[in-house]
All heavy atoms as atom14 arrays in JSON, in Angstrom:
{
  "sequence": "LLDEPASGLDPRARIKIRELIKRLRDMGKTIMVSSHILPELADICN",
  "atom14_mask": [
    [1, 1, 1, 1, 1, 1, 1, 1, 0, 0, 0, 0, 0, 0],
    [1, 1, 1, 1, 1, 1, 1, 1, 0, 0, 0, 0, 0, 0],
    [1, 1, 1, 1, 1, 1, 1, 1, 0, 0, 0, 0, 0, 0],
    [1, 1, 1, 1, 1, 1, 1, 1, 1, 0, 0, 0, 0, 0],
    [1, 1, 1, 1, 1, 1, 1, 0, 0, 0, 0, 0, 0, 0],
    [1, 1, 1, 1, 1, 0, 0, 0, 0, 0, 0, 0, 0, 0],
    [1, 1, 1, 1, 1, 1, 0, 0, 0, 0, 0, 0, 0, 0],
    [1, 1, 1, 1, 0, 0, 0, 0, 0, 0, 0, 0, 0, 0],
    [1, 1, 1, 1, 1, 1, 1, 1, 0, 0, 0, 0, 0, 0],
    [1, 1, 1, 1, 1, 1, 1, 1, 0, 0, 0, 0, 0, 0],
    [1, 1, 1, 1, 1, 1, 1, 0, 0, 0, 0, 0, 0, 0],
    [1, 1, 1, 1, 1, 1, 1, 1, 1, 1, 1, 0, 0, 0],
    [1, 1, 1, 1, 1, 0, 0, 0, 0, 0, 0, 0, 0, 0],
    [1, 1, 1, 1, 1, 1, 1, 1, 1, 1, 1, 0, 0, 0],
    [1, 1, 1, 1, 1, 1, 1, 1, 0, 0, 0, 0, 0, 0],
    [1, 1, 1, 1, 1, 1, 1, 1, 1, 0, 0, 0, 0, 0],
    [1, 1, 1, 1, 1, 1, 1, 1, 0, 0, 0, 0, 0, 0],
    [1, 1, 1, 1, 1, 1, 1, 1, 1, 1, 1, 0, 0, 0],
    [1, 1, 1, 1, 1, 1, 1, 1, 1, 0, 0, 0, 0, 0],
    [1, 1, 1, 1, 1, 1, 1, 1, 0, 0, 0, 0, 0, 0],
    [1, 1, 1, 1, 1, 1, 1, 1, 0, 0, 0, 0, 0, 0],
    [1, 1, 1, 1, 1, 1, 1, 1, 1, 0, 0, 0, 0, 0],
    [1, 1, 1, 1, 1, 1, 1, 1, 1, 1, 1, 0, 0, 0],
    [1, 1, 1, 1, 1, 1, 1, 1, 0, 0, 0, 0, 0, 0],
    [1, 1, 1, 1, 1, 1, 1, 1, 1, 1, 1, 0, 0, 0],
    [1, 1, 1, 1, 1, 1, 1, 1, 0, 0, 0, 0, 0, 0],
    [1, 1, 1, 1, 1, 1, 1, 1, 0, 0, 0, 0, 0, 0],
    [1, 1, 1, 1, 0, 0, 0, 0, 0, 0, 0, 0, 0, 0],
    [1, 1, 1, 1, 1, 1, 1, 1, 1, 0, 0, 0, 0, 0],
    [1, 1, 1, 1, 1, 1, 1, 0, 0, 0, 0, 0, 0, 0],
    [1, 1, 1, 1, 1, 1, 1, 1, 0, 0, 0, 0, 0, 0],
    [1, 1, 1, 1, 1, 1, 1, 1, 0, 0, 0, 0, 0, 0],
    [1, 1, 1, 1, 1, 1, 1, 0, 0, 0, 0, 0, 0, 0],
    [1, 1, 1, 1, 1, 1, 0, 0, 0, 0, 0, 0, 0, 0],
    [1, 1, 1, 1, 1, 1, 0, 0, 0, 0, 0, 0, 0, 0],
    [1, 1, 1, 1, 1, 1, 1, 1, 1, 1, 0, 0, 0, 0],
    [1, 1, 1, 1, 1, 1, 1, 1, 0, 0, 0, 0, 0, 0],
    [1, 1, 1, 1, 1, 1, 1, 1, 0, 0, 0, 0, 0, 0],
    [1, 1, 1, 1, 1, 1, 1, 0, 0, 0, 0, 0, 0, 0],
    [1, 1, 1, 1, 1, 1, 1, 1, 1, 0, 0, 0, 0, 0],
    [1, 1, 1, 1, 1, 1, 1, 1, 0, 0, 0, 0, 0, 0],
    [1, 1, 1, 1, 1, 0, 0, 0, 0, 0, 0, 0, 0, 0],
    [1, 1, 1, 1, 1, 1, 1, 1, 0, 0, 0, 0, 0, 0],
    [1, 1, 1, 1, 1, 1, 1, 1, 0, 0, 0, 0, 0, 0],
    [1, 1, 1, 1, 1, 1, 0, 0, 0, 0, 0, 0, 0, 0],
    [1, 1, 1, 1, 1, 1, 1, 1, 0, 0, 0, 0, 0, 0]
  ],
  "atom14_positions": [
    [[-83.58, 14.96, 0.04], [-84.72, 14.08, -0.22], [-84.52, 13.49, -1.6], [-84.71, 14.18, -2.61], [-86.04, 14.87, -0.14], [-86.28, 15.64, 1.16], [-87.57, 16.47, 1.05], [-86.37, 14.7, 2.36], [0.0, 0.0, 0.0], [0.0, 0.0, 0.0], [0.0, 0.0, 0.0], [0.0, 0.0, 0.0], [0.0, 0.0, 0.0], [0.0, 0.0, 0.0]],
    [[-84.12, 12.24, -1.66], [-83.74, 11.6, -2.93], [-84.77, 10.54, -3.28], [-84.85, 9.49, -2.64], [-82.35, 10.98, -2.8], [-81.25, 11.88, -2.23], [-79.93, 11.12, -2.16], [-81.1, 13.15, -3.05], [0.0, 0.0, 0.0], [0.0, 0.0, 0.0], [0.0, 0.0, 0.0], [0.0, 0.0, 0.0], [0.0, 0.0, 0.0], [0.0, 0.0, 0.0]],
    [[-85.54, 10.81, -4.32], [-86.63, 9.92, -4.72], [-86.14, 8.99, -5.82], [-85.98, 9.4, -6.97], [-87.83, 10.75, -5.19], [-89.09, 9.93, -5.32], [-89.05, 8.72, -5.01], [-90.13, 10.49, -5.72], [0.0, 0.0, 0.0], [0.0, 0.0, 0.0], [0.0, 0.0, 0.0], [0.0, 0.0, 0.0], [0.0, 0.0, 0.0], [0.0, 0.0, 0.0]],
    [[-85.9, 7.74, -5.48], [-85.44, 6.72, -6.42], [-84.21, 7.19, -7.22], [-84.23, 7.2, -8.45], [-86.57, 6.34, -7.39], [-87.78, 5.72, -6.73], [-87.59, 4.25, -6.39], [-86.53, 3.7, -6.73], [-88.49, 3.66, -5.78], [0.0, 0.0, 0.0], [0.0, 0.0, 0.0], [0.0, 0.0, 0.0], [0.0, 0.0, 0.0], [0.0, 0.0, 0.0]],
    [[-83.13, 7.58, -6.55], [-81.97, 8.11, -7.29], [-81.29, 7.08, -8.19], [-80.59, 7.46, -9.13], [-81.02, 8.55, -6.17], [-81.39, 7.71, -4.99], [-82.88, 7.54, -5.1], [0.0, 0.0, 0.0], [0.0, 0.0, 0.0], [0.0, 0.0, 0.0], [0.0, 0.0, 0.0], [0.0, 0.0, 0.0], [0.0, 0.0, 0.0], [0.0, 0.0, 0.0]],
    [[-81.48, 5.78, -7.91], [-80.84, 4.75, -8.74], [-81.81, 4.1, -9.72], [-81.48, 3.08, -10.32], [-80.21, 3.68, -7.84], [0.0, 0.0, 0.0], [0.0, 0.0, 0.0], [0.0, 0.0, 0.0], [0.0, 0.0, 0.0], [0.0, 0.0, 0.0], [0.0, 0.0, 0.0], [0.0, 0.0, 0.0], [0.0, 0.0, 0.0], [0.0, 0.0, 0.0]],
    [[-82.97, 4.7, -9.89], [-83.99, 4.12, -10.77], [-83.51, 4.02, -12.21], [-83.03, 4.99, -12.79], [-85.26, 4.97, -10.72], [-86.22, 4.52, -11.65], [0.0, 0.0, 0.0], [0.0, 0.0, 0.0], [0.0, 0.0, 0.0], [0.0, 0.0, 0.0], [0.0, 0.0, 0.0], [0.0, 0.0, 0.0], [0.0, 0.0, 0.0], [0.0, 0.0, 0.0]],
    [[-83.62, 2.83, -12.79], [-83.3, 2.63, -14.19], [-81.82, 2.59, -14.52], [-81.45, 2.62, -15.69], [0.0, 0.0, 0.0], [0.0, 0.0, 0.0], [0.0, 0.0, 0.0], [0.0, 0.0, 0.0], [0.0, 0.0, 0.0], [0.0, 0.0, 0.0], [0.0, 0.0, 0.0], [0.0, 0.0, 0.0], [0.0, 0.0, 0.0], [0.0, 0.0, 0.0]],
    [[-80.96, 2.51, -13.5], [-79.52, 2.52, -13.76], [-78.97, 1.11, -13.88], [-79.49, 0.16, -13.29], [-78.79, 3.25, -12.63], [-79.2, 4.7, -12.36], [-78.27, 5.31, -11.32], [-79.18, 5.53, -13.64], [0.0, 0.0, 0.0], [0.0, 0.0, 0.0], [0.0, 0.0, 0.0], [0.0, 0.0, 0.0], [0.0, 0.0, 0.0], [0.0, 0.0, 0.0]],
    [[-77.87, 0.99, -14.63], [-77.2, -0.3, -14.72], [-76.41, -0.53, -13.43], [-76.23, 0.4, -12.63], [-76.28, -0.35, -15.95], [-75.19, 0.71, -15.91], [-74.41, 0.73, -14.94], [-75.12, 1.53, -16.85], [0.0, 0.0, 0.0], [0.0, 0.0, 0.0], [0.0, 0.0, 0.0], [0.0, 0.0, 0.0], [0.0, 0.0, 0.0], [0.0, 0.0, 0.0]],
    [[-75.93, -1.76, -13.18], [-75.26, -2.06, -11.92], [-74.09, -1.14, -11.58], [-73.93, -0.72, -10.43], [-74.79, -3.51, -12.12], [-75.79, -4.09, -13.07], [-76.13, -2.97, -14.0], [0.0, 0.0, 0.0], [0.0, 0.0, 0.0], [0.0, 0.0, 0.0], [0.0, 0.0, 0.0], [0.0, 0.0, 0.0], [0.0, 0.0, 0.0], [0.0, 0.0, 0.0]],
    [[-73.25, -0.81, -12.57], [-72.11, 0.06, -12.31], [-72.57, 1.46, -11.89], [-72.01, 2.06, -10.95], [-71.22, 0.16, -13.54], [-69.95, 0.96, -13.32], [-69.08, 0.96, -14.57], [-68.6, -0.37, -14.88], [-67.51, -0.89, -14.34], [-66.79, -0.21, -13.48], [-67.13, -2.11, -14.67], [0.0, 0.0, 0.0], [0.0, 0.0, 0.0], [0.0, 0.0, 0.0]],
    [[-73.59, 1.99, -12.55], [-74.1, 3.32, -12.21], [-74.76, 3.32, -10.83], [-74.66, 4.29, -10.08], [-75.1, 3.78, -13.27], [0.0, 0.0, 0.0], [0.0, 0.0, 0.0], [0.0, 0.0, 0.0], [0.0, 0.0, 0.0], [0.0, 0.0, 0.0], [0.0, 0.0, 0.0], [0.0, 0.0, 0.0], [0.0, 0.0, 0.0], [0.0, 0.0, 0.0]],
    [[-75.43, 2.21, -10.48], [-76.05, 2.11, -9.15], [-74.98, 2.14, -8.06], [-75.17, 2.77, -7.01], [-76.86, 0.82, -9.03], [-78.16, 0.83, -9.82], [-79.17, -0.15, -9.23], [-78.65, -1.51, -9.14], [-78.77, -2.42, -10.09], [-79.38, -2.11, -11.23], [-78.3, -3.64, -9.93], [0.0, 0.0, 0.0], [0.0, 0.0, 0.0], [0.0, 0.0, 0.0]],
    [[-73.87, 1.46, -8.31], [-72.77, 1.46, -7.34], [-72.23, 2.87, -7.14], [-71.95, 3.29, -6.02], [-71.66, 0.49, -7.78], [-72.15, -0.96, -7.67], [-70.4, 0.69, -6.95], [-71.22, -1.98, -8.29], [0.0, 0.0, 0.0], [0.0, 0.0, 0.0], [0.0, 0.0, 0.0], [0.0, 0.0, 0.0], [0.0, 0.0, 0.0], [0.0, 0.0, 0.0]],
    [[-72.1, 3.61, -8.24], [-71.59, 4.99, -8.14], [-72.54, 5.86, -7.31], [-72.1, 6.66, -6.49], [-71.41, 5.58, -9.55], [-70.12, 5.14, -10.25], [-69.95, 5.88, -11.55], [-68.58, 5.59, -12.17], [-67.48, 6.22, -11.39], [0.0, 0.0, 0.0], [0.0, 0.0, 0.0], [0.0, 0.0, 0.0], [0.0, 0.0, 0.0], [0.0, 0.0, 0.0]],
    [[-73.85, 5.72, -7.54], [-74.82, 6.49, -6.77], [-74.75, 6.11, -5.29], [-74.79, 6.97, -4.4], [-76.25, 6.27, -7.32], [-76.42, 6.97, -8.68], [-77.3, 6.8, -6.33], [-76.43, 8.48, -8.62], [0.0, 0.0, 0.0], [0.0, 0.0, 0.0], [0.0, 0.0, 0.0], [0.0, 0.0, 0.0], [0.0, 0.0, 0.0], [0.0, 0.0, 0.0]],
    [[-74.64, 4.81, -5.02], [-74.58, 4.35, -3.63], [-73.35, 4.92, -2.92], [-73.42, 5.39, -1.79], [-74.56, 2.83, -3.59], [-74.6, 2.24, -2.18], [-74.56, 0.74, -2.23], [-73.3, 0.25, -2.78], [-73.12, -0.95, -3.3], [-74.14, -1.8, -3.37], [-71.95, -1.32, -3.77], [0.0, 0.0, 0.0], [0.0, 0.0, 0.0], [0.0, 0.0, 0.0]],
    [[-72.2, 4.89, -3.62], [-70.97, 5.42, -3.03], [-71.08, 6.92, -2.81], [-70.56, 7.46, -1.82], [-69.77, 5.09, -3.93], [-69.44, 3.6, -4.02], [-69.19, 2.99, -2.65], [-68.46, 3.6, -1.85], [-69.73, 1.9, -2.37], [0.0, 0.0, 0.0], [0.0, 0.0, 0.0], [0.0, 0.0, 0.0], [0.0, 0.0, 0.0], [0.0, 0.0, 0.0]],
    [[-71.76, 7.6, -3.71], [-71.95, 9.04, -3.57], [-72.82, 9.36, -2.35], [-72.52, 10.29, -1.58], [-72.58, 9.6, -4.85], [-72.83, 11.11, -4.89], [-71.57, 11.88, -4.55], [-73.34, 11.51, -6.27], [0.0, 0.0, 0.0], [0.0, 0.0, 0.0], [0.0, 0.0, 0.0], [0.0, 0.0, 0.0], [0.0, 0.0, 0.0], [0.0, 0.0, 0.0]],
    [[-73.87, 8.58, -2.15], [-74.73, 8.79, -0.97], [-73.93, 8.55, 0.31], [-74.1, 9.26, 1.31], [-75.98, 7.88, -1.03], [-76.87, 8.31, -2.2], [-76.77, 7.95, 0.27], [-78.05, 7.39, -2.46], [0.0, 0.0, 0.0], [0.0, 0.0, 0.0], [0.0, 0.0, 0.0], [0.0, 0.0, 0.0], [0.0, 0.0, 0.0], [0.0, 0.0, 0.0]],
    [[-73.04, 7.56, 0.29], [-72.19, 7.32, 1.46], [-71.31, 8.54, 1.75], [-71.12, 8.93, 2.91], [-71.29, 6.1, 1.22], [-71.99, 4.77, 1.32], [-70.97, 3.65, 1.13], [-71.61, 2.28, 1.17], [-70.62, 1.2, 0.96], [0.0, 0.0, 0.0], [0.0, 0.0, 0.0], [0.0, 0.0, 0.0], [0.0, 0.0, 0.0], [0.0, 0.0, 0.0]],
    [[-70.77, 9.15, 0.7], [-69.93, 10.33, 0.9], [-70.74, 11.48, 1.49], [-70.26, 12.18, 2.38], [-69.31, 10.76, -0.44], [-68.27, 9.8, -0.97], [-67.69, 10.27, -2.3], [-66.94, 11.51, -2.18], [-66.4, 12.16, -3.2], [-66.58, 11.69, -4.43], [-65.72, 13.26, -3.01], [0.0, 0.0, 0.0], [0.0, 0.0, 0.0], [0.0, 0.0, 0.0]],
    [[-71.96, 11.64, 1.02], [-72.83, 12.7, 1.56], [-73.2, 12.4, 3.01], [-73.28, 13.31, 3.84], [-74.08, 12.83, 0.7], [-73.83, 13.31, -0.74], [-75.09, 13.15, -1.58], [-73.37, 14.76, -0.74], [0.0, 0.0, 0.0], [0.0, 0.0, 0.0], [0.0, 0.0, 0.0], [0.0, 0.0, 0.0], [0.0, 0.0, 0.0], [0.0, 0.0, 0.0]],
    [[-73.41, 11.13, 3.32], [-73.66, 10.73, 4.71], [-72.48, 11.1, 5.59], [-72.65, 11.64, 6.69], [-73.92, 9.23, 4.76], [-74.08, 8.65, 6.17], [-73.96, 7.14, 6.14], [-72.63, 6.7, 5.7], [-72.32, 5.45, 5.39], [-73.24, 4.49, 5.45], [-71.09, 5.14, 5.03], [0.0, 0.0, 0.0], [0.0, 0.0, 0.0], [0.0, 0.0, 0.0]],
    [[-71.27, 10.81, 5.1], [-70.07, 11.09, 5.88], [-69.84, 12.59, 6.04], [-69.1, 13.01, 6.94], [-68.85, 10.44, 5.2], [-68.93, 8.91, 5.23], [-69.7, 8.37, 6.04], [-68.22, 8.27, 4.42], [0.0, 0.0, 0.0], [0.0, 0.0, 0.0], [0.0, 0.0, 0.0], [0.0, 0.0, 0.0], [0.0, 0.0, 0.0], [0.0, 0.0, 0.0]],
    [[-70.45, 13.39, 5.17], [-70.36, 14.85, 5.29], [-71.36, 15.39, 6.31], [-71.4, 16.59, 6.56], [-70.61, 15.49, 3.91], [-69.5, 15.25, 2.91], [-69.98, 15.69, 1.19], [-70.27, 17.45, 1.37], [0.0, 0.0, 0.0], [0.0, 0.0, 0.0], [0.0, 0.0, 0.0], [0.0, 0.0, 0.0], [0.0, 0.0, 0.0], [0.0, 0.0, 0.0]],
    [[-72.19, 14.51, 6.88], [-73.13, 14.93, 7.92], [-74.5, 15.32, 7.41], [-75.32, 15.84, 8.19], [0.0, 0.0, 0.0], [0.0, 0.0, 0.0], [0.0, 0.0, 0.0], [0.0, 0.0, 0.0], [0.0, 0.0, 0.0], [0.0, 0.0, 0.0], [0.0, 0.0, 0.0], [0.0, 0.0, 0.0], [0.0, 0.0, 0.0], [0.0, 0.0, 0.0]],
    [[-74.78, 15.07, 6.13], [-76.11, 15.38, 5.6], [-77.16, 14.44, 6.2], [-76.88, 13.27, 6.48], [-76.14, 15.23, 4.08], [-75.08, 16.02, 3.32], [-75.33, 17.5, 3.35], [-74.33, 18.25, 2.46], [-74.47, 19.72, 2.57], [0.0, 0.0, 0.0], [0.0, 0.0, 0.0], [0.0, 0.0, 0.0], [0.0, 0.0, 0.0], [0.0, 0.0, 0.0]],
    [[-78.34, 14.95, 6.39], [-79.49, 14.12, 6.77], [-80.19, 13.75, 5.47], [-80.59, 14.63, 4.7], [-80.45, 14.88, 7.7], [-79.72, 15.28, 8.88], [-81.62, 14.01, 8.11], [0.0, 0.0, 0.0], [0.0, 0.0, 0.0], [0.0, 0.0, 0.0], [0.0, 0.0, 0.0], [0.0, 0.0, 0.0], [0.0, 0.0, 0.0], [0.0, 0.0, 0.0]],
    [[-80.33, 12.45, 5.23], [-80.77, 11.98, 3.91], [-81.99, 11.07, 4.04], [-82.0, 10.15, 4.85], [-79.64, 11.22, 3.19], [-78.38, 12.09, 3.1], [-80.08, 10.77, 1.79], [-77.15, 11.35, 2.6], [0.0, 0.0, 0.0], [0.0, 0.0, 0.0], [0.0, 0.0, 0.0], [0.0, 0.0, 0.0], [0.0, 0.0, 0.0], [0.0, 0.0, 0.0]],
    [[-82.97, 11.33, 3.21], [-84.14, 10.45, 3.06], [-84.11, 9.94, 1.63], [-84.17, 10.72, 0.68], [-85.42, 11.23, 3.34], [-86.69, 10.4, 3.34], [-88.11, 11.45, 3.78], [-89.37, 10.2, 4.02], [0.0, 0.0, 0.0], [0.0, 0.0, 0.0], [0.0, 0.0, 0.0], [0.0, 0.0, 0.0], [0.0, 0.0, 0.0], [0.0, 0.0, 0.0]],
    [[-83.96, 8.62, 1.47], [-83.79, 8.07, 0.12], [-84.78, 6.92, -0.08], [-84.85, 6.0, 0.72], [-82.33, 7.6, -0.13], [-81.85, 6.68, 0.97], [-82.17, 6.95, -1.49], [0.0, 0.0, 0.0], [0.0, 0.0, 0.0], [0.0, 0.0, 0.0], [0.0, 0.0, 0.0], [0.0, 0.0, 0.0], [0.0, 0.0, 0.0], [0.0, 0.0, 0.0]],
    [[-85.55, 7.02, -1.14], [-86.47, 5.94, -1.47], [-85.84, 5.07, -2.55], [-85.09, 5.56, -3.39], [-87.82, 6.48, -1.96], [-87.69, 7.1, -3.23], [0.0, 0.0, 0.0], [0.0, 0.0, 0.0], [0.0, 0.0, 0.0], [0.0, 0.0, 0.0], [0.0, 0.0, 0.0], [0.0, 0.0, 0.0], [0.0, 0.0, 0.0], [0.0, 0.0, 0.0]],
    [[-86.12, 3.78, -2.5], [-85.53, 2.87, -3.46], [-86.24, 1.54, -3.45], [-86.78, 1.12, -2.43], [-84.04, 2.67, -3.15], [-83.47, 1.73, -4.04], [0.0, 0.0, 0.0], [0.0, 0.0, 0.0], [0.0, 0.0, 0.0], [0.0, 0.0, 0.0], [0.0, 0.0, 0.0], [0.0, 0.0, 0.0], [0.0, 0.0, 0.0], [0.0, 0.0, 0.0]],
    [[-86.21, 0.86, -4.61], [-86.68, -0.52, -4.68], [-85.51, -1.49, -4.64], [-85.7, -2.7, -4.61], [-87.48, -0.75, -5.97], [-88.8, -0.05, -5.98], [-89.8, -0.35, -5.08], [-89.3, 0.92, -6.78], [-90.85, 0.41, -5.33], [-90.57, 1.2, -6.35], [0.0, 0.0, 0.0], [0.0, 0.0, 0.0], [0.0, 0.0, 0.0], [0.0, 0.0, 0.0]],
    [[-84.28, -0.96, -4.67], [-83.1, -1.82, -4.63], [-82.79, -2.08, -3.17], [-81.9, -1.5, -2.57], [-81.92, -1.17, -5.37], [-82.35, -0.74, -6.78], [-80.74, -2.13, -5.47], [-81.38, 0.16, -7.48], [0.0, 0.0, 0.0], [0.0, 0.0, 0.0], [0.0, 0.0, 0.0], [0.0, 0.0, 0.0], [0.0, 0.0, 0.0], [0.0, 0.0, 0.0]],
    [[-83.58, -2.95, -2.57], [-83.63, -3.08, -1.13], [-82.32, -3.5, -0.47], [-81.93, -2.91, 0.53], [-84.76, -4.06, -0.76], [-86.12, -3.73, -1.4], [-87.16, -4.72, -0.94], [-86.55, -2.33, -1.04], [0.0, 0.0, 0.0], [0.0, 0.0, 0.0], [0.0, 0.0, 0.0], [0.0, 0.0, 0.0], [0.0, 0.0, 0.0], [0.0, 0.0, 0.0]],
    [[-81.61, -4.52, -0.97], [-80.38, -4.92, -0.28], [-79.35, -3.8, -0.18], [-78.58, -3.74, 0.76], [-79.86, -6.08, -1.13], [-81.05, -6.62, -1.82], [-81.91, -5.41, -2.1], [0.0, 0.0, 0.0], [0.0, 0.0, 0.0], [0.0, 0.0, 0.0], [0.0, 0.0, 0.0], [0.0, 0.0, 0.0], [0.0, 0.0, 0.0], [0.0, 0.0, 0.0]],
    [[-79.33, -2.88, -1.18], [-78.33, -1.82, -1.17], [-78.6, -0.8, -0.07], [-77.69, -0.15, 0.41], [-78.29, -1.14, -2.54], [-77.77, -2.06, -3.62], [-77.53, -1.35, -4.93], [-77.78, -0.14, -5.01], [-77.09, -2.02, -5.86], [0.0, 0.0, 0.0], [0.0, 0.0, 0.0], [0.0, 0.0, 0.0], [0.0, 0.0, 0.0], [0.0, 0.0, 0.0]],
    [[-79.87, -0.64, 0.34], [-80.19, 0.34, 1.37], [-79.57, -0.03, 2.71], [-79.2, 0.84, 3.48], [-81.7, 0.49, 1.51], [-82.41, 1.29, 0.42], [-83.89, 1.4, 0.74], [-81.82, 2.68, 0.27], [0.0, 0.0, 0.0], [0.0, 0.0, 0.0], [0.0, 0.0, 0.0], [0.0, 0.0, 0.0], [0.0, 0.0, 0.0], [0.0, 0.0, 0.0]],
    [[-79.47, -1.31, 3.0], [-78.91, -1.75, 4.29], [-77.48, -1.28, 4.44], [-76.99, -1.09, 5.56], [-79.0, -3.26, 4.41], [0.0, 0.0, 0.0], [0.0, 0.0, 0.0], [0.0, 0.0, 0.0], [0.0, 0.0, 0.0], [0.0, 0.0, 0.0], [0.0, 0.0, 0.0], [0.0, 0.0, 0.0], [0.0, 0.0, 0.0], [0.0, 0.0, 0.0]],
    [[-76.8, -1.07, 3.32], [-75.39, -0.69, 3.33], [-75.2, 0.79, 3.6], [-74.12, 1.22, 4.0], [-74.76, -1.08, 1.99], [-73.26, -0.94, 2.0], [-72.65, -1.22, 3.04], [-72.68, -0.56, 0.97], [0.0, 0.0, 0.0], [0.0, 0.0, 0.0], [0.0, 0.0, 0.0], [0.0, 0.0, 0.0], [0.0, 0.0, 0.0], [0.0, 0.0, 0.0]],
    [[-76.23, 1.6, 3.38], [-76.06, 3.05, 3.5], [-76.97, 3.68, 4.54], [-76.76, 4.83, 4.92], [-76.28, 3.75, 2.14], [-77.68, 3.47, 1.6], [-75.21, 3.37, 1.15], [-78.0, 4.22, 0.31], [0.0, 0.0, 0.0], [0.0, 0.0, 0.0], [0.0, 0.0, 0.0], [0.0, 0.0, 0.0], [0.0, 0.0, 0.0], [0.0, 0.0, 0.0]],
    [[-77.99, 2.96, 5.0], [-78.99, 3.56, 5.89], [-78.82, 3.07, 7.33], [-78.45, 1.93, 7.57], [-80.4, 3.22, 5.43], [-80.77, 3.8, 3.77], [0.0, 0.0, 0.0], [0.0, 0.0, 0.0], [0.0, 0.0, 0.0], [0.0, 0.0, 0.0], [0.0, 0.0, 0.0], [0.0, 0.0, 0.0], [0.0, 0.0, 0.0], [0.0, 0.0, 0.0]],
    [[-79.13, 3.94, 8.27], [-79.18, 3.52, 9.67], [-80.62, 3.39, 10.16], [-80.88, 2.76, 11.19], [-78.42, 4.49, 10.57], [-79.08, 5.87, 10.65], [-79.49, 6.42, 9.63], [-79.19, 6.41, 11.84], [0.0, 0.0, 0.0], [0.0, 0.0, 0.0], [0.0, 0.0, 0.0], [0.0, 0.0, 0.0], [0.0, 0.0, 0.0], [0.0, 0.0, 0.0]]
  ]
}
């Protein structure tokens, strides 16, 4: 349960968090992530 994990981060740090969530997804974790960075969610969420 990740509550705004990219909040207040610069673009490079946001990319790192997004890639990390993708890795956790690929590991089979069930993830609930809240965010205001809306376009980035489409890339990691089903």
